Amino acid sequence: MSFEKLGLIAPIMRALETQGYSTPTPIQQQAIPVVLEKKDLLGCAQTGTGKTAAFAIPILQLLWKEKETAQAPDRHIKTLILTPTRELAIQIADNIRDYGAHTGIRHLVIFGGVSAQSQIDGLKRGTDILIATPGRLLDLWQQGHINLQFIRQFVLDEADRMLDMGFIHDVKRVITKLPAKRQTLFFSATMPDEIAGLANSILSNPVKVAVTPVSSTAEKVEQRLFYVDKTDKRKLLVHVLKDASITSALVFTRTKHGADRVAKELSRAQITASAIHGDKSQNSRQRALTDFKAGRIRVLVATDIAARGIDVDNLSHVINYEIPNVPETYVHRIGRTGRGGASGIAFSFCEHEERAYVKDIVKLTKQAIPVVEEHPFPPSQEPAAPPAPAVQMRQSSSQQHAGRKKQKRSWHGRPQQQKS
């Protein structure tokens, strides 16, 4: 199916052609017609599936058609998009700018961590679409700078991350300020009970769209597991990054302090790196992200909260410096690579205390993670055999024989040729 068959208007088609988009992703194919029909939507899709375009494109079209028939200019906010992080808010704003380049639809993004004055000035000028994080939105609403009574479409994006970050009560407060008669689009990568309950309370007869179950990892992401002692992780990371084929790497740590420490260690090893987390200023975070996207630094070290919404074209590697204790988080992390049909590689460094987390990941994804058995920093305590998934999902060609035949692997995890 092409975008043309979705009945999109010429200004949006022109913008999509400029961006090089011709074929919608599965969630876009399913969601765009629903949104254009002004129905509520409940979308469950993991990161990298193209869900931003799934709601941004049809909203732009609805607003454009409304604008074409309007008797007079309208400065009120018509669409509110609520999202958990600054980075994701900026990414959505960039996408709306690109998709709506020829529509004349105005948008504004607001978030905390920076001066509010320029955002207040933008609100005074008027905007059609407001992209916001919960805290800054409520702050400016309480100060009388935001009127939510004219909202036609409300988008709640990354609802599960809102819950993880403790924003769920702010989200509920925002919802009470919205008009009862509106179109609501609700997106979440996972559906824990509290999120499912929230969805049921704010949606009216929604159309449900689910693609790429959260328990499955991106098919084109090759996964590799390194068993290593905790004290040797930084040495292993430096060693791994000596491979010039790793053109860009997003490294995940569990804590902000850990991200700073790893970035400093890499810099001392002459590997260009920056850390990004919640204690960094917005300017510092944005500068690091810009440098990473432009290739001026090779490694971005991030915590999970800071990394949500980071969208980097052609990211070659994700490295789990520390294994997450929530298996869904692992799925989200490795989904930062292998996006848009591209291939990618995910490495995970597992110390003794994290082995239980690996078992949980295998149980969730139903995929075995191939182990790199030969590297310079083997663990002092021999790990047990890697857990086998209860149900084996379809594997890539490089993994198909892993369970039947023990393969020797070089340090970068790619199978070596077997001698006949």
Protein backbone atom coordinates (compact mmCIF):
# COMPACT_ATOMS: atom_id res chain seq x y z
CA MET A 1 0.00 0.00 0.00
CA SER A 2 1.18 3.53 -0.77
CA PHE A 3 0.41 6.77 1.10
CA GLU A 4 -1.63 7.89 -1.90
CA LYS A 5 -4.18 5.12 -1.26
CA LEU A 6 -4.81 6.52 2.22
CA GLY A 7 -6.49 9.56 0.68
CA LEU A 8 -3.98 12.14 1.87
CA ILE A 9 -4.17 15.72 0.62
CA ALA A 10 -1.66 17.09 -1.87
CA PRO A 11 0.27 19.34 0.59
CA ILE A 12 1.01 16.36 2.85
CA MET A 13 1.83 14.05 -0.07
CA ARG A 14 4.30 16.66 -1.30
CA ALA A 15 5.99 16.79 2.12
CA LEU A 16 6.17 12.99 2.36
CA GLU A 17 7.77 12.80 -1.08
CA THR A 18 10.35 15.38 0.03
CA GLN A 19 11.12 13.21 3.07
CA GLY A 20 11.44 10.14 0.82
CA TYR A 21 8.42 8.33 2.28
CA SER A 22 6.32 6.25 -0.10
CA THR A 23 5.06 3.23 1.83
CA PRO A 24 3.32 3.52 5.22
CA THR A 25 4.28 1.21 8.06
CA PRO A 26 1.66 -1.25 9.40
CA ILE A 27 0.55 1.06 12.21
CA GLN A 28 0.27 3.97 9.78
CA GLN A 29 -1.84 1.88 7.39
CA GLN A 30 -4.23 0.98 10.20
CA ALA A 31 -4.30 4.21 12.21
CA ILE A 32 -4.43 6.98 9.58
CA PRO A 33 -7.89 6.05 8.18
CA VAL A 34 -9.27 5.74 11.74
CA VAL A 35 -8.01 9.18 12.76
CA LEU A 36 -9.31 10.74 9.53
CA GLU A 37 -12.75 9.35 10.42
CA LYS A 38 -12.47 11.24 13.75
CA LYS A 39 -12.73 8.06 15.83
CA ASP A 40 -10.93 7.41 19.11
CA LEU A 41 -7.93 5.11 18.78
CA LEU A 42 -6.06 2.81 21.15
CA GLY A 43 -2.65 2.03 19.68
CA CYS A 44 -0.19 -0.50 21.08
CA ALA A 45 3.13 -0.41 19.26
CA GLN A 46 6.77 -0.61 20.28
CA THR A 47 9.28 2.09 19.50
CA GLY A 48 10.44 2.46 15.91
CA THR A 49 7.15 1.44 14.27
CA GLY A 50 6.31 4.89 12.91
CA LYS A 51 3.51 5.80 15.31
CA THR A 52 4.34 9.52 15.36
CA ALA A 53 3.44 9.77 11.69
CA ALA A 54 0.40 7.55 12.35
CA PHE A 55 -1.22 10.35 14.37
CA ALA A 56 0.59 13.46 13.10
CA ILE A 57 -0.26 13.05 9.42
CA PRO A 58 -4.04 12.61 9.79
CA ILE A 59 -4.26 15.37 12.43
CA LEU A 60 -2.53 17.77 10.05
CA GLN A 61 -5.03 16.80 7.36
CA LEU A 62 -8.04 17.33 9.66
CA LEU A 63 -6.77 20.74 10.74
CA TRP A 64 -5.98 21.75 7.15
CA LYS A 65 -9.52 20.92 6.01
CA GLU A 66 -10.95 22.80 8.98
CA LYS A 67 -8.78 25.78 8.15
CA GLU A 68 -9.90 25.74 4.50
CA THR A 69 -13.56 26.13 5.52
CA ALA A 70 -13.05 28.52 8.47
CA GLN A 71 -14.76 31.93 8.27
CA ALA A 72 -11.97 33.67 10.19
CA PRO A 73 -8.50 32.90 11.60
CA ASP A 74 -8.56 30.90 14.83
CA ARG A 75 -5.69 31.29 17.30
CA HIS A 76 -6.95 28.70 19.79
CA ILE A 77 -5.09 25.43 20.46
CA LYS A 78 -6.97 22.71 18.59
CA THR A 79 -4.72 19.68 19.14
CA LEU A 80 -2.82 18.76 22.31
CA ILE A 81 -0.09 16.13 22.15
CA LEU A 82 1.13 15.08 25.59
CA THR A 83 4.44 13.23 25.80
CA PRO A 84 6.75 12.28 28.71
CA THR A 85 10.16 13.71 27.76
CA ARG A 86 11.70 16.81 26.22
CA GLU A 87 13.51 14.78 23.62
CA LEU A 88 10.34 13.06 22.46
CA ALA A 89 8.45 16.37 22.41
CA ILE A 90 11.14 17.90 20.20
CA GLN A 91 11.16 14.86 17.93
CA ILE A 92 7.37 15.02 17.47
CA ALA A 93 7.59 18.76 16.76
CA ASP A 94 10.25 18.13 14.13
CA ASN A 95 8.08 15.47 12.48
CA ILE A 96 5.04 17.76 12.43
CA ARG A 97 7.16 20.51 10.92
CA ASP A 98 8.29 18.16 8.15
CA TYR A 99 4.90 16.58 7.41
CA GLY A 100 3.04 19.90 7.59
CA ALA A 101 5.57 22.00 5.71
CA HIS A 102 3.04 22.96 3.02
CA THR A 103 -0.15 23.10 5.10
CA GLY A 104 0.26 26.36 7.00
CA ILE A 105 -0.64 24.56 10.24
CA ARG A 106 1.17 26.12 13.21
CA HIS A 107 2.72 24.10 16.02
CA LEU A 108 4.51 24.89 19.26
CA VAL A 109 6.49 22.68 21.64
CA ILE A 110 6.80 23.40 25.37
CA PHE A 111 8.79 21.55 28.05
CA GLY A 112 10.54 22.19 31.32
CA GLY A 113 14.21 22.77 32.05
CA VAL A 114 14.42 25.98 30.03
CA SER A 115 13.08 29.52 30.38
CA ALA A 116 9.33 29.65 29.81
CA GLN A 117 9.27 33.15 28.33
CA SER A 118 9.79 32.19 24.69
CA GLN A 119 7.14 29.50 25.10
CA ILE A 120 4.71 32.03 26.62
CA ASP A 121 5.40 34.38 23.70
CA GLY A 122 4.63 31.56 21.27
CA LEU A 123 1.35 30.82 23.04
CA LYS A 124 0.34 34.48 22.80
CA ARG A 125 0.89 34.39 19.04
CA GLY A 126 -1.41 31.37 18.81
CA THR A 127 -0.87 27.81 17.64
CA ASP A 128 -2.93 25.01 16.13
CA ILE A 129 -0.98 22.10 17.66
CA LEU A 130 0.64 22.14 21.09
CA ILE A 131 3.21 19.44 21.93
CA ALA A 132 3.93 19.43 25.65
CA THR A 133 5.36 17.59 28.63
CA PRO A 134 2.93 17.36 31.59
CA GLY A 135 4.77 19.52 34.13
CA ARG A 136 5.34 22.57 31.93
CA LEU A 137 1.84 22.31 30.48
CA LEU A 138 0.23 22.45 33.93
CA ASP A 139 2.57 25.25 35.05
CA LEU A 140 1.62 27.49 32.12
CA TRP A 141 -2.05 26.53 32.41
CA GLN A 142 -2.07 27.57 36.07
CA GLN A 143 -0.49 30.89 35.08
CA GLY A 144 -3.31 31.49 32.62
CA HIS A 145 -1.24 31.19 29.44
CA ILE A 146 -2.98 28.08 28.06
CA ASN A 147 -6.64 27.56 27.20
CA LEU A 148 -7.56 23.91 26.62
CA GLN A 149 -11.30 24.42 26.08
CA PHE A 150 -11.07 24.36 22.27
CA ILE A 151 -9.21 21.06 21.94
CA ARG A 152 -10.53 18.85 19.11
CA GLN A 153 -7.86 16.14 19.28
CA PHE A 154 -5.95 14.92 22.31
CA VAL A 155 -2.98 12.59 21.83
CA LEU A 156 -1.49 10.78 24.82
CA ASP A 157 1.81 9.33 23.64
CA GLU A 158 4.04 6.84 25.47
CA ALA A 159 1.47 6.34 28.22
CA ASP A 160 3.44 3.53 29.86
CA ARG A 161 6.49 5.75 30.14
CA MET A 162 4.31 8.42 31.78
CA LEU A 163 3.52 5.81 34.44
CA ASP A 164 7.18 4.80 34.82
CA MET A 165 8.23 8.43 35.29
CA GLY A 166 5.55 9.22 37.87
CA PHE A 167 3.57 11.53 35.58
CA ILE A 168 0.32 9.60 35.63
CA HIS A 169 -1.34 11.93 38.16
CA ASP A 170 -0.33 14.98 36.12
CA VAL A 171 -1.81 13.31 33.04
CA LYS A 172 -5.09 12.75 34.87
CA ARG A 173 -5.14 16.42 35.91
CA VAL A 174 -4.61 17.52 32.32
CA ILE A 175 -7.47 15.32 31.14
CA THR A 176 -9.86 17.06 33.54
CA LYS A 177 -9.12 20.37 31.78
CA LEU A 178 -10.10 19.08 28.32
CA PRO A 179 -13.56 19.32 26.76
CA ALA A 180 -15.61 16.14 27.07
CA LYS A 181 -16.38 16.15 23.36
CA ARG A 182 -13.07 15.46 21.64
CA GLN A 183 -11.19 12.83 19.66
CA THR A 184 -8.65 10.95 21.80
CA LEU A 185 -5.68 8.98 20.48
CA PHE A 186 -3.95 6.83 23.09
CA PHE A 187 -0.58 5.20 22.41
CA SER A 188 1.44 2.90 24.64
CA ALA A 189 4.12 0.30 24.00
CA THR A 190 2.86 -1.84 26.90
CA MET A 191 -0.49 -2.13 28.64
CA PRO A 192 -0.06 -2.63 32.40
CA ASP A 193 -3.30 -2.63 34.39
CA GLU A 194 -3.14 1.04 35.40
CA ILE A 195 -2.55 2.16 31.82
CA ALA A 196 -5.35 -0.07 30.52
CA GLY A 197 -7.65 1.42 33.15
CA LEU A 198 -6.71 4.95 32.12
CA ALA A 199 -7.36 4.13 28.48
CA ASN A 200 -10.79 2.73 29.28
CA SER A 201 -11.70 5.87 31.24
CA ILE A 202 -10.83 8.41 28.53
CA LEU A 203 -11.61 6.61 25.26
CA SER A 204 -15.04 6.31 23.65
CA ASN A 205 -15.58 3.14 21.58
CA PRO A 206 -11.97 3.19 20.38
CA VAL A 207 -10.62 1.34 17.39
CA LYS A 208 -7.77 -0.85 18.63
CA VAL A 209 -4.57 -1.03 16.61
CA ALA A 210 -1.71 -3.30 17.71
CA VAL A 211 1.43 -4.04 15.72
CA THR A 212 4.71 -5.75 16.59
CA PRO A 213 3.93 -7.11 20.07
CA VAL A 214 6.06 -5.60 22.80
CA SER A 215 7.48 -9.01 23.67
CA SER A 216 9.10 -9.35 20.26
CA THR A 217 12.29 -7.59 19.36
CA ALA A 218 13.00 -5.99 16.02
CA GLU A 219 13.60 -8.79 13.53
CA LYS A 220 16.60 -7.12 11.95
CA VAL A 221 18.39 -6.47 15.26
CA GLU A 222 21.14 -9.02 15.92
CA GLN A 223 21.50 -9.65 19.64
CA ARG A 224 24.70 -10.68 21.42
CA LEU A 225 25.34 -11.42 25.10
CA PHE A 226 28.72 -10.94 26.83
CA TYR A 227 29.21 -12.48 30.26
CA VAL A 228 31.72 -10.32 32.18
CA ASP A 229 32.62 -9.33 35.73
CA LYS A 230 31.20 -6.00 36.87
CA THR A 231 34.69 -4.59 37.40
CA ASP A 232 35.65 -5.36 33.79
CA LYS A 233 32.65 -3.83 32.03
CA ARG A 234 34.33 -0.53 31.18
CA LYS A 235 37.40 -2.35 29.84
CA LEU A 236 35.16 -4.54 27.68
CA LEU A 237 33.27 -1.51 26.40
CA VAL A 238 36.48 0.23 25.35
CA HIS A 239 37.68 -2.98 23.72
CA VAL A 240 34.43 -3.51 21.82
CA LEU A 241 34.44 0.07 20.55
CA LYS A 242 37.84 -0.45 18.93
CA ASP A 243 35.88 -2.07 16.12
CA ALA A 244 35.61 0.64 13.45
CA SER A 245 32.43 -0.95 12.09
CA ILE A 246 30.63 0.41 15.16
CA THR A 247 29.99 3.80 13.60
CA SER A 248 27.55 4.96 16.27
CA ALA A 249 26.54 3.45 19.59
CA LEU A 250 23.87 4.28 22.13
CA VAL A 251 25.07 2.93 25.49
CA PHE A 252 22.55 2.41 28.29
CA THR A 253 23.37 2.70 31.98
CA ARG A 254 21.05 2.33 34.95
CA THR A 255 21.94 5.60 36.70
CA LYS A 256 22.82 9.20 35.86
CA HIS A 257 26.12 8.92 37.75
CA GLY A 258 26.93 5.75 35.82
CA ALA A 259 26.30 7.49 32.50
CA ASP A 260 28.71 10.30 33.41
CA ARG A 261 31.35 7.83 34.62
CA VAL A 262 31.19 5.72 31.44
CA ALA A 263 31.34 8.77 29.17
CA LYS A 264 34.43 10.05 30.98
CA GLU A 265 36.11 6.64 30.73
CA LEU A 266 35.49 6.53 26.98
CA SER A 267 36.82 10.06 26.52
CA ARG A 268 40.00 9.07 28.37
CA ALA A 269 40.32 6.19 25.90
CA GLN A 270 40.15 8.66 22.98
CA ILE A 271 36.59 7.60 22.06
CA THR A 272 34.32 10.59 21.46
CA ALA A 273 31.37 10.32 23.84
CA SER A 274 28.81 12.37 25.75
CA ALA A 275 26.34 11.53 28.50
CA ILE A 276 22.67 12.48 28.46
CA HIS A 277 20.36 12.26 31.48
CA GLY A 278 17.86 14.20 33.56
CA ASP A 279 20.43 16.18 35.57
CA LYS A 280 21.90 17.70 32.41
CA SER A 281 20.58 21.09 31.29
CA GLN A 282 18.29 21.10 28.27
CA ASN A 283 20.94 22.92 26.21
CA SER A 284 23.55 20.34 27.17
CA ARG A 285 21.24 17.44 26.31
CA GLN A 286 20.25 18.94 23.00
CA ARG A 287 23.88 19.73 22.09
CA ALA A 288 24.95 16.15 22.86
CA LEU A 289 22.09 14.73 20.80
CA THR A 290 22.81 17.08 17.88
CA ASP A 291 26.50 16.17 17.94
CA PHE A 292 25.62 12.47 18.01
CA LYS A 293 23.21 12.73 15.09
CA ALA A 294 25.77 14.73 13.11
CA GLY A 295 28.52 12.17 13.77
CA ARG A 296 30.71 14.56 15.74
CA ILE A 297 30.63 12.12 18.66
CA ARG A 298 30.54 8.37 18.22
CA VAL A 299 28.95 7.26 21.49
CA LEU A 300 25.98 8.60 23.43
CA VAL A 301 25.66 7.26 26.97
CA ALA A 302 22.12 7.54 28.31
CA THR A 303 19.71 6.50 31.02
CA ASP A 304 16.38 4.99 29.96
CA ILE A 305 14.33 8.07 30.74
CA ALA A 306 16.64 10.38 28.76
CA ALA A 307 16.80 7.99 25.81
CA ARG A 308 13.04 7.62 25.35
CA GLY A 309 12.25 9.51 22.17
CA ILE A 310 15.79 9.60 20.82
CA ASP A 311 15.45 8.92 17.11
CA VAL A 312 18.77 8.58 15.28
CA ASP A 313 18.90 7.49 11.66
CA ASN A 314 21.22 4.57 10.93
CA LEU A 315 22.18 3.91 14.56
CA SER A 316 24.46 0.92 14.15
CA HIS A 317 24.64 -0.41 17.73
CA VAL A 318 22.85 -0.36 21.05
CA ILE A 319 24.95 -1.50 24.01
CA ASN A 320 23.34 -2.50 27.29
CA TYR A 321 26.20 -1.63 29.61
CA GLU A 322 23.87 -2.69 32.40
CA ILE A 323 21.03 -5.18 31.91
CA PRO A 324 17.63 -3.66 32.77
CA ASN A 325 15.65 -5.37 35.53
CA VAL A 326 12.41 -4.84 33.58
CA PRO A 327 12.42 -7.04 30.45
CA GLU A 328 10.17 -4.65 28.47
CA THR A 329 12.85 -2.00 28.92
CA TYR A 330 15.30 -4.24 27.08
CA VAL A 331 12.89 -4.42 24.14
CA HIS A 332 12.60 -0.63 24.03
CA ARG A 333 16.36 -0.18 24.28
CA ILE A 334 17.35 -2.42 21.40
CA GLY A 335 14.51 -0.97 19.36
CA ARG A 336 16.53 2.24 19.02
CA THR A 337 18.53 0.46 16.30
CA GLY A 338 17.16 -1.50 13.35
CA ARG A 339 14.54 1.19 12.73
CA GLY A 340 12.75 1.91 9.49
CA GLY A 341 13.75 -1.40 7.94
CA ALA A 342 17.48 -0.91 8.61
CA SER A 343 19.60 -3.54 10.31
CA GLY A 344 21.21 -3.11 13.71
CA ILE A 345 23.16 -4.90 16.44
CA ALA A 346 22.54 -4.96 20.19
CA PHE A 347 25.24 -6.00 22.68
CA SER A 348 24.48 -6.73 26.34
CA PHE A 349 27.11 -6.93 29.11
CA CYS A 350 25.93 -9.28 31.85
CA GLU A 351 27.60 -9.59 35.25
CA HIS A 352 26.75 -12.28 37.80
CA GLU A 353 23.92 -10.43 39.58
CA GLU A 354 22.22 -9.58 36.27
CA ARG A 355 21.85 -13.15 35.01
CA ALA A 356 18.33 -13.41 36.43
CA TYR A 357 17.39 -10.37 34.32
CA VAL A 358 18.54 -12.17 31.19
CA LYS A 359 16.28 -15.09 32.04
CA ASP A 360 13.34 -12.69 32.34
CA ILE A 361 14.17 -11.15 28.96
CA VAL A 362 14.34 -14.54 27.27
CA LYS A 363 11.03 -15.51 28.88
CA LEU A 364 9.35 -12.34 27.60
CA THR A 365 10.78 -12.26 24.09
CA LYS A 366 10.79 -16.04 23.58
CA GLN A 367 14.14 -15.59 21.85
CA ALA A 368 17.51 -16.99 22.86
CA ILE A 369 20.33 -14.42 22.90
CA PRO A 370 23.54 -15.81 21.31
CA VAL A 371 26.50 -15.68 23.70
CA VAL A 372 29.88 -14.30 22.72
CA GLU A 373 32.15 -16.91 24.26
CA GLU A 374 35.53 -15.52 23.25
CA HIS A 375 36.49 -12.03 24.45
CA PRO A 376 39.40 -10.68 26.53
CA PHE A 377 37.44 -10.32 29.80
CA PRO A 378 35.69 -13.61 30.61
CA PRO A 379 33.87 -13.77 33.95
CA SER A 380 35.64 -15.22 36.97
CA GLN A 381 32.55 -17.28 37.73
CA GLU A 382 31.44 -19.52 34.88
CA PRO A 383 27.85 -18.71 33.85
CA ALA A 384 25.21 -21.38 33.55
CA ALA A 385 24.03 -22.34 30.10
CA PRO A 386 21.96 -19.55 28.53
CA PRO A 387 18.25 -20.06 29.20
CA ALA A 388 16.20 -21.48 26.35
CA PRO A 389 12.96 -19.72 25.48
CA ALA A 390 9.73 -21.58 26.12
CA VAL A 391 8.61 -20.97 22.56
CA GLN A 392 11.25 -20.33 19.91
CA MET A 393 10.35 -17.49 17.59
CA ARG A 394 11.61 -17.16 14.03
CA GLN A 395 15.35 -16.51 14.04
CA SER A 396 17.64 -14.77 11.65
CA SER A 397 19.83 -16.92 9.42
CA SER A 398 22.85 -16.21 11.62
CA GLN A 399 21.01 -17.68 14.63
CA GLN A 400 19.22 -20.67 13.15
CA HIS A 401 21.82 -23.26 14.08
CA ALA A 402 22.80 -21.76 17.46
CA GLY A 403 20.74 -24.24 19.43
CA ARG A 404 21.94 -27.30 17.49
CA LYS A 405 25.59 -26.63 16.90
CA LYS A 406 28.04 -24.76 19.10
CA GLN A 407 29.68 -22.02 17.06
CA LYS A 408 32.93 -20.31 17.87
CA ARG A 409 32.46 -16.54 17.89
CA SER A 410 34.91 -13.71 17.50
CA TRP A 411 34.73 -10.90 20.08
CA HIS A 412 32.24 -8.90 18.04
CA GLY A 413 29.81 -11.79 18.12
CA ARG A 414 29.52 -12.72 14.47
CA PRO A 415 29.66 -16.48 13.76
CA GLN A 416 32.90 -17.71 12.28
CA GLN A 417 32.85 -20.15 9.41
CA GLN A 418 32.75 -23.78 10.45
CA LYS A 419 35.32 -26.04 8.94
CA SER A 420 33.83 -28.84 6.87
